[in-house]
C-alpha atoms as a PDB file:
ATOM      1  CA  MET A   1     -13.098  24.636  -0.109  1.00  0.00           C
ATOM      2  CA  SER A   2      -9.907  26.545   0.130  1.00  0.00           C
ATOM      3  CA  ALA A   3      -9.425  30.059  -1.123  1.00  0.00           C
ATOM      4  CA  ASP A   4      -7.938  29.048  -4.443  1.00  0.00           C
ATOM      5  CA  GLY A   5     -10.867  26.843  -5.191  1.00  0.00           C
ATOM      6  CA  ALA A   6      -9.630  23.471  -4.349  1.00  0.00           C
ATOM      7  CA  PHE A   7     -11.342  21.100  -1.999  1.00  0.00           C
ATOM      8  CA  VAL A   8      -8.947  19.767   0.765  1.00  0.00           C
ATOM      9  CA  VAL A   9      -9.485  16.779   3.096  1.00  0.00           C
ATOM     10  CA  GLY A  10      -7.379  16.929   6.480  1.00  0.00           C
ATOM     11  CA  ILE A  11      -6.204  14.358   8.687  1.00  0.00           C
ATOM     12  CA  ASP A  12      -6.875  13.322  12.176  1.00  0.00           C
ATOM     13  CA  ARG A  13      -3.262  12.912  13.763  1.00  0.00           C
ATOM     14  CA  GLY A  14      -4.163  10.717  16.642  1.00  0.00           C
ATOM     15  CA  ALA A  15      -6.371   8.201  14.538  1.00  0.00           C
ATOM     16  CA  VAL A  16      -3.428   7.935  11.904  1.00  0.00           C
ATOM     17  CA  LEU A  17      -0.871   7.182  14.469  1.00  0.00           C
ATOM     18  CA  HIS A  18      -2.787   4.637  16.250  1.00  0.00           C
ATOM     19  CA  ARG A  19      -3.681   2.850  12.858  1.00  0.00           C
ATOM     20  CA  ARG A  20       0.098   2.867  11.944  1.00  0.00           C
ATOM     21  CA  GLU A  21       1.023   0.921  14.887  1.00  0.00           C
ATOM     22  CA  ILE A  22      -1.805  -1.712  14.267  1.00  0.00           C
ATOM     23  CA  VAL A  23      -0.857  -2.136  10.577  1.00  0.00           C
ATOM     24  CA  ARG A  24       2.845  -2.445  11.479  1.00  0.00           C
ATOM     25  CA  ALA A  25       2.226  -5.153  14.010  1.00  0.00           C
ATOM     26  CA  VAL A  26      -0.156  -7.059  11.908  1.00  0.00           C
ATOM     27  CA  GLN A  27       2.172  -6.879   8.734  1.00  0.00           C
ATOM     28  CA  ARG A  28       5.352  -7.754  10.639  1.00  0.00           C
ATOM     29  CA  ARG A  29       3.508 -10.953  12.210  1.00  0.00           C
ATOM     30  CA  GLY A  30       2.368 -11.968   8.615  1.00  0.00           C
ATOM     31  CA  ALA A  31       5.860 -11.467   6.891  1.00  0.00           C
ATOM     32  CA  TRP A  32       7.595 -13.219   9.808  1.00  0.00           C
ATOM     33  CA  ILE A  33       5.301 -16.308   9.569  1.00  0.00           C
ATOM     34  CA  THR A  34       5.689 -16.477   5.763  1.00  0.00           C
ATOM     35  CA  LEU A  35       9.668 -16.086   6.219  1.00  0.00           C
ATOM     36  CA  VAL A  36       9.694 -18.969   8.655  1.00  0.00           C
ATOM     37  CA  LEU A  37       7.366 -21.154   6.489  1.00  0.00           C
ATOM     38  CA  GLY A  38       9.782 -20.451   3.471  1.00  0.00           C
ATOM     39  CA  ALA A  39      12.851 -21.254   5.628  1.00  0.00           C
ATOM     40  CA  VAL A  40      11.362 -24.367   6.926  1.00  0.00           C
ATOM     41  CA  GLY A  41      10.744 -25.499   3.249  1.00  0.00           C
ATOM     42  CA  ILE A  42      14.393 -24.862   2.246  1.00  0.00           C
ATOM     43  CA  LEU A  43      15.753 -26.528   5.222  1.00  0.00           C
ATOM     44  CA  ALA A  44      13.589 -29.635   4.630  1.00  0.00           C
ATOM     45  CA  ALA A  45      14.677 -29.867   1.004  1.00  0.00           C
ATOM     46  CA  VAL A  46      18.306 -29.709   2.060  1.00  0.00           C
ATOM     47  CA  TYR A  47      17.729 -32.422   4.527  1.00  0.00           C
ATOM     48  CA  ALA A  48      16.207 -34.779   2.026  1.00  0.00           C
ATOM     49  CA  LEU A  49      18.802 -34.000  -0.240  1.00  0.00           C
ATOM     50  CA  VAL A  50      21.622 -35.078   2.305  1.00  0.00           C
ATOM     51  CA  ALA A  51      19.664 -37.790   3.929  1.00  0.00           C
ATOM     52  CA  PHE A  52      17.861 -39.537   1.041  1.00  0.00           C
ATOM     53  CA  ARG A  53      20.653 -38.713  -1.815  1.00  0.00           C
ATOM     54  CA  GLY A  54      20.286 -42.280  -3.246  1.00  0.00           C
ATOM     55  CA  ALA A  55      16.689 -42.427  -3.167  1.00  0.00           C
ATOM     56  CA  GLY A  56      16.186 -40.279  -6.368  1.00  0.00           C
ATOM     57  CA  LEU A  57      14.346 -37.396  -4.294  1.00  0.00           C
ATOM     58  CA  TRP A  58      16.708 -34.627  -5.635  1.00  0.00           C
ATOM     59  CA  PRO A  59      14.378 -33.250  -8.499  1.00  0.00           C
ATOM     60  CA  PHE A  60      11.529 -32.748  -5.948  1.00  0.00           C
ATOM     61  CA  ALA A  61      14.092 -31.112  -3.457  1.00  0.00           C
ATOM     62  CA  VAL A  62      15.389 -28.776  -5.836  1.00  0.00           C
ATOM     63  CA  LEU A  63      11.905 -27.906  -7.071  1.00  0.00           C
ATOM     64  CA  LEU A  64      10.972 -27.237  -3.423  1.00  0.00           C
ATOM     65  CA  ILE A  65      14.030 -25.033  -2.848  1.00  0.00           C
ATOM     66  CA  ALA A  66      13.180 -23.208  -6.082  1.00  0.00           C
ATOM     67  CA  ALA A  67       9.598 -22.439  -5.004  1.00  0.00           C
ATOM     68  CA  MET A  68      10.563 -21.359  -1.339  1.00  0.00           C
ATOM     69  CA  ALA A  69      13.646 -19.207  -2.280  1.00  0.00           C
ATOM     70  CA  PRO A  70      11.498 -16.286  -3.909  1.00  0.00           C
ATOM     71  CA  LEU A  71       9.246 -16.374  -0.981  1.00  0.00           C
ATOM     72  CA  VAL A  72      11.974 -15.913   1.434  1.00  0.00           C
ATOM     73  CA  VAL A  73      13.662 -13.310  -0.505  1.00  0.00           C
ATOM     74  CA  SER A  74      10.450 -11.318  -1.074  1.00  0.00           C
ATOM     75  CA  THR A  75       9.479 -11.477   2.561  1.00  0.00           C
ATOM     76  CA  MET A  76      12.892 -10.067   3.653  1.00  0.00           C
ATOM     77  CA  LEU A  77      12.592  -7.279   1.159  1.00  0.00           C
ATOM     78  CA  ALA A  78       9.032  -6.564   2.587  1.00  0.00           C
ATOM     79  CA  LEU A  79      10.412  -6.405   6.178  1.00  0.00           C
ATOM     80  CA  ARG A  80      13.228  -4.069   5.045  1.00  0.00           C
ATOM     81  CA  LEU A  81      10.724  -1.841   3.438  1.00  0.00           C
ATOM     82  CA  GLN A  82       8.764  -1.638   6.528  1.00  0.00           C
ATOM     83  CA  THR A  83      11.716  -0.747   8.557  1.00  0.00           C
ATOM     84  CA  GLU A  84      12.690   2.018   6.120  1.00  0.00           C
ATOM     85  CA  ARG A  85       9.036   3.293   6.236  1.00  0.00           C
ATOM     86  CA  GLN A  86       9.297   3.467   9.896  1.00  0.00           C
ATOM     87  CA  ARG A  87      12.498   5.295   9.998  1.00  0.00           C
ATOM     88  CA  TRP A  88      10.906   7.840   7.541  1.00  0.00           C
ATOM     89  CA  TYR A  89       7.826   8.074  10.018  1.00  0.00           C
ATOM     90  CA  ASP A  90      10.357   8.925  12.893  1.00  0.00           C
ATOM     91  CA  ALA A  91      12.289  11.563  10.766  1.00  0.00           C
ATOM     92  CA  ASN A  92       9.242  13.331   9.346  1.00  0.00           C
ATOM     93  CA  GLU A  93       6.208  15.178  10.785  1.00  0.00           C
ATOM     94  CA  LEU A  94       2.669  13.829   9.642  1.00  0.00           C
ATOM     95  CA  GLN A  95       1.245  15.801   6.916  1.00  0.00           C
ATOM     96  CA  PRO A  96      -2.095  17.702   7.980  1.00  0.00           C
ATOM     97  CA  ILE A  97      -3.629  17.120   4.481  1.00  0.00           C
ATOM     98  CA  ALA A  98      -4.783  13.721   3.062  1.00  0.00           C
ATOM     99  CA  MET A  99      -5.840  14.919  -0.286  1.00  0.00           C
ATOM    100  CA  ARG A 100      -6.525  17.957  -2.397  1.00  0.00           C
ATOM    101  CA  MET A 101      -8.789  18.202  -5.458  1.00  0.00           C
ATOM    102  CA  THR A 102      -8.607  21.027  -8.108  1.00  0.00           C
ATOM    103  CA  PRO A 103      -9.961  20.973 -11.560  1.00  0.00           C
ATOM    104  CA  LYS A 104      -6.819  19.510 -13.178  1.00  0.00           C
ATOM    105  CA  ALA A 105      -5.670  16.828 -10.895  1.00  0.00           C
ATOM    106  CA  LEU A 106      -6.128  14.793  -7.551  1.00  0.00           C
ATOM    107  CA  GLU A 107      -3.205  15.314  -5.099  1.00  0.00           C
ATOM    108  CA  LEU A 108      -2.639  12.694  -2.435  1.00  0.00           C
ATOM    109  CA  ALA A 109      -0.231  12.829   0.597  1.00  0.00           C
ATOM    110  CA  CYS A 110       0.765   9.349   0.936  1.00  0.00           C
ATOM    111  CA  GLU A 111       2.378   8.145   4.265  1.00  0.00           C
ATOM    112  CA  GLY A 112       6.050   7.755   3.834  1.00  0.00           C
ATOM    113  CA  ALA A 113       6.293   9.505   0.526  1.00  0.00           C
ATOM    114  CA  ALA A 114       8.691  12.406   0.119  1.00  0.00           C
ATOM    115  CA  TYR A 115       6.276  14.455  -1.787  1.00  0.00           C
ATOM    116  CA  PRO A 116       2.614  14.293  -2.991  1.00  0.00           C
ATOM    117  CA  VAL A 117       1.251  12.204  -5.633  1.00  0.00           C
ATOM    118  CA  VAL A 118      -0.219  13.936  -8.515  1.00  0.00           C
ATOM    119  CA  LEU A 119      -2.819  12.344 -10.770  1.00  0.00           C
ATOM    120  CA  PRO A 120      -4.803  13.918 -13.563  1.00  0.00           C
ATOM    121  CA  TRP A 121      -8.472  13.262 -13.381  1.00  0.00           C
ATOM    122  CA  SER A 122      -8.245  11.128 -16.444  1.00  0.00           C
ATOM    123  CA  THR A 123      -6.113   8.631 -14.558  1.00  0.00           C
ATOM    124  CA  VAL A 124      -8.270   8.237 -11.570  1.00  0.00           C
ATOM    125  CA  ARG A 125     -11.347   5.960 -10.961  1.00  0.00           C
ATOM    126  CA  GLY A 126     -11.583   7.175  -7.320  1.00  0.00           C
ATOM    127  CA  PHE A 127     -11.668   5.215  -4.170  1.00  0.00           C
ATOM    128  CA  ARG A 128     -13.101   1.933  -3.065  1.00  0.00           C
ATOM    129  CA  GLN A 129     -14.244   1.790   0.771  1.00  0.00           C
ATOM    130  CA  GLU A 130     -12.941  -1.438   2.133  1.00  0.00           C
ATOM    131  CA  LYS A 131     -12.994  -2.810   5.772  1.00  0.00           C
ATOM    132  CA  LEU A 132      -9.209  -3.329   6.484  1.00  0.00           C
ATOM    133  CA  PHE A 133      -7.761  -4.477  10.039  1.00  0.00           C
ATOM    134  CA  GLY A 134     -11.090  -3.983  11.578  1.00  0.00           C
ATOM    135  CA  GLN A 135     -11.737  -0.445  10.208  1.00  0.00           C
ATOM    136  CA  TYR A 136     -12.846   1.182   6.971  1.00  0.00           C
ATOM    137  CA  ALA A 137     -10.274   2.569   4.664  1.00  0.00           C
ATOM    138  CA  LEU A 138     -10.109   4.141   1.301  1.00  0.00           C
ATOM    139  CA  GLU A 139      -8.165   2.440  -1.457  1.00  0.00           C
ATOM    140  CA  LEU A 140      -7.084   4.263  -4.423  1.00  0.00           C
ATOM    141  CA  GLU A 141      -8.414   2.967  -7.712  1.00  0.00           C
ATOM    142  CA  LEU A 142      -6.659   4.065 -11.031  1.00  0.00           C
ATOM    143  CA  THR A 143      -7.824   3.812 -14.443  1.00  0.00           C
ATOM    144  CA  PRO A 144      -6.447   0.433 -16.071  1.00  0.00           C
ATOM    145  CA  GLY A 145      -2.952   0.949 -17.670  1.00  0.00           C
ATOM    146  CA  VAL A 146      -1.922   3.990 -15.594  1.00  0.00           C
ATOM    147  CA  GLY A 147       1.519   4.133 -14.146  1.00  0.00           C
ATOM    148  CA  ALA A 148       4.337   6.281 -12.966  1.00  0.00           C
ATOM    149  CA  THR A 149       5.323   7.252 -16.603  1.00  0.00           C
ATOM    150  CA  THR A 150       1.771   8.044 -17.581  1.00  0.00           C
ATOM    151  CA  ALA A 151       1.535  11.746 -18.745  1.00  0.00           C
ATOM    152  CA  GLY A 152       0.812  14.240 -15.967  1.00  0.00           C
ATOM    153  CA  VAL A 153       1.317  11.615 -13.387  1.00  0.00           C
ATOM    154  CA  ARG A 154       3.821  12.385 -10.504  1.00  0.00           C
ATOM    155  CA  GLY A 155       5.050  10.460  -7.554  1.00  0.00           C
ATOM    156  CA  LEU A 156       3.769   6.958  -8.137  1.00  0.00           C
ATOM    157  CA  ASP A 157       7.016   5.469  -8.238  1.00  0.00           C
ATOM    158  CA  GLN A 158       8.039   6.247  -4.672  1.00  0.00           C
ATOM    159  CA  PRO A 159       8.376   3.031  -2.698  1.00  0.00           C
ATOM    160  CA  ALA A 160       5.894   3.974  -0.082  1.00  0.00           C
ATOM    161  CA  VAL A 161       3.262   4.677  -2.725  1.00  0.00           C
ATOM    162  CA  ARG A 162       3.817   1.353  -4.665  1.00  0.00           C
ATOM    163  CA  THR A 163       3.250  -0.616  -1.295  1.00  0.00           C
ATOM    164  CA  VAL A 164      -0.199   1.015  -1.041  1.00  0.00           C
ATOM    165  CA  VAL A 165      -1.302   1.359  -4.855  1.00  0.00           C
ATOM    166  CA  LYS A 166       0.142  -1.953  -5.861  1.00  0.00           C
ATOM    167  CA  PRO A 167       0.615  -3.716  -2.548  1.00  0.00           C
ATOM    168  CA  ASN A 168       3.279  -6.519  -2.224  1.00  0.00           C
ATOM    169  CA  PRO A 169       1.315  -9.911  -2.565  1.00  0.00           C
ATOM    170  CA  LEU A 170       3.123 -10.969   0.747  1.00  0.00           C
ATOM    171  CA  LEU A 171       1.470  -8.158   2.619  1.00  0.00           C
ATOM    172  CA  ARG A 172      -2.234  -7.361   3.420  1.00  0.00           C
ATOM    173  CA  PRO A 173      -3.531  -4.231   1.719  1.00  0.00           C
ATOM    174  CA  THR A 174      -3.640  -1.335   4.100  1.00  0.00           C
ATOM    175  CA  GLY A 175      -5.535   1.198   2.259  1.00  0.00           C
ATOM    176  CA  LEU A 176      -4.475   4.733   1.463  1.00  0.00           C
ATOM    177  CA  PHE A 177      -6.585   6.639   4.035  1.00  0.00           C
ATOM    178  CA  LEU A 178      -8.273   5.528   7.174  1.00  0.00           C
ATOM    179  CA  VAL A 179     -11.841   6.865   7.044  1.00  0.00           C
ATOM    180  CA  LYS A 180     -12.324   7.858  10.637  1.00  0.00           C
ATOM    181  CA  SER A 181      -8.893   9.899  10.305  1.00  0.00           C
ATOM    182  CA  LEU A 182     -10.445  12.065   7.513  1.00  0.00           C
ATOM    183  CA  ASP A 183     -12.055  15.378   8.569  1.00  0.00           C
ATOM    184  CA  GLN A 184     -14.633  15.023   5.827  1.00  0.00           C
ATOM    185  CA  PRO A 185     -17.240  12.241   5.542  1.00  0.00           C
ATOM    186  CA  VAL A 186     -17.133   9.712   2.713  1.00  0.00           C
ATOM    187  CA  HIS A 187     -20.263  11.034   1.034  1.00  0.00           C
ATOM    188  CA  VAL A 188     -18.779  14.535   0.881  1.00  0.00           C
ATOM    189  CA  ILE A 189     -15.616  13.223  -0.426  1.00  0.00           C
ATOM    190  CA  ASP A 190     -17.579  11.555  -3.155  1.00  0.00           C
ATOM    191  CA  GLN A 191     -19.457  14.538  -4.251  1.00  0.00           C
ATOM    192  CA  ALA A 192     -16.304  16.373  -4.520  1.00  0.00           C
ATOM    193  CA  LEU A 193     -14.588  13.604  -6.685  1.00  0.00           C
ATOM    194  CA  ARG A 194     -17.407  13.595  -8.982  1.00  0.00           C
ATOM    195  CA  HIS A 195     -17.668  17.407  -9.227  1.00  0.00           C
ATOM    196  CA  PHE A 196     -13.803  17.909  -9.913  1.00  0.00           C
ATOM    197  CA  SER A 197     -13.635  14.939 -12.307  1.00  0.00           C
ATOM    198  CA  GLY A 198     -16.616  15.650 -14.167  1.00  0.00           C
ATOM    199  CA  GLY A 199     -18.421  12.565 -13.008  1.00  0.00           C
ATOM    200  CA  THR A 200     -15.759  10.174 -13.884  1.00  0.00           C
ATOM    201  CA  ALA A 201     -14.459   9.426 -10.335  1.00  0.00           C
ATOM    202  CA  GLY A 202     -16.107   8.643  -7.108  1.00  0.00           C
ATOM    203  CA  VAL A 203     -16.134   6.508  -3.950  1.00  0.00           C
ATOM    204  CA  THR A 204     -17.518   2.850  -4.423  1.00  0.00           C
ATOM    205  CA  THR A 205     -18.201   0.415  -1.585  1.00  0.00           C
END
């Protein structure tokens, strides 16, 4: 508990840096595989259009191209986002605090975000503990319907936050915080969430 009555959860720098490398490698590999599959599908459709233009296959080829094109575009955008996130990591020091709880709100320091996310307790359901990339992580759970424009909410519209809170369907979810990187155990975080939220938020498994 800090001097102002807030509950603060800190971060283990070494654990976070190690996990960044694992997540980056796995996500990039998955994105490249998806990109290659989409490109192969488009090339196959174009080849069919040229090689069998008199066989009446063009409707199927066009449909295949239409299905594969968004996949390729989305994957390229995901790769670009990863590159931008890595550039941000290189330019900014790791924040020593993961989250801060006050009677009014939950504040989160999301990796790659320029400023903390602020969530009034009415917008938060808590965290779900999931095993991701072989390690346990906490995934943020919001109240249904909550978004960046919800009253009192700040920071949800940052690109780095959107990839964690509402992950790109082409990328595996990463979780918001690696459990072993936090300086407080999960059961203590759960108790603090329930205390400050009046019992409406907590950690589920």
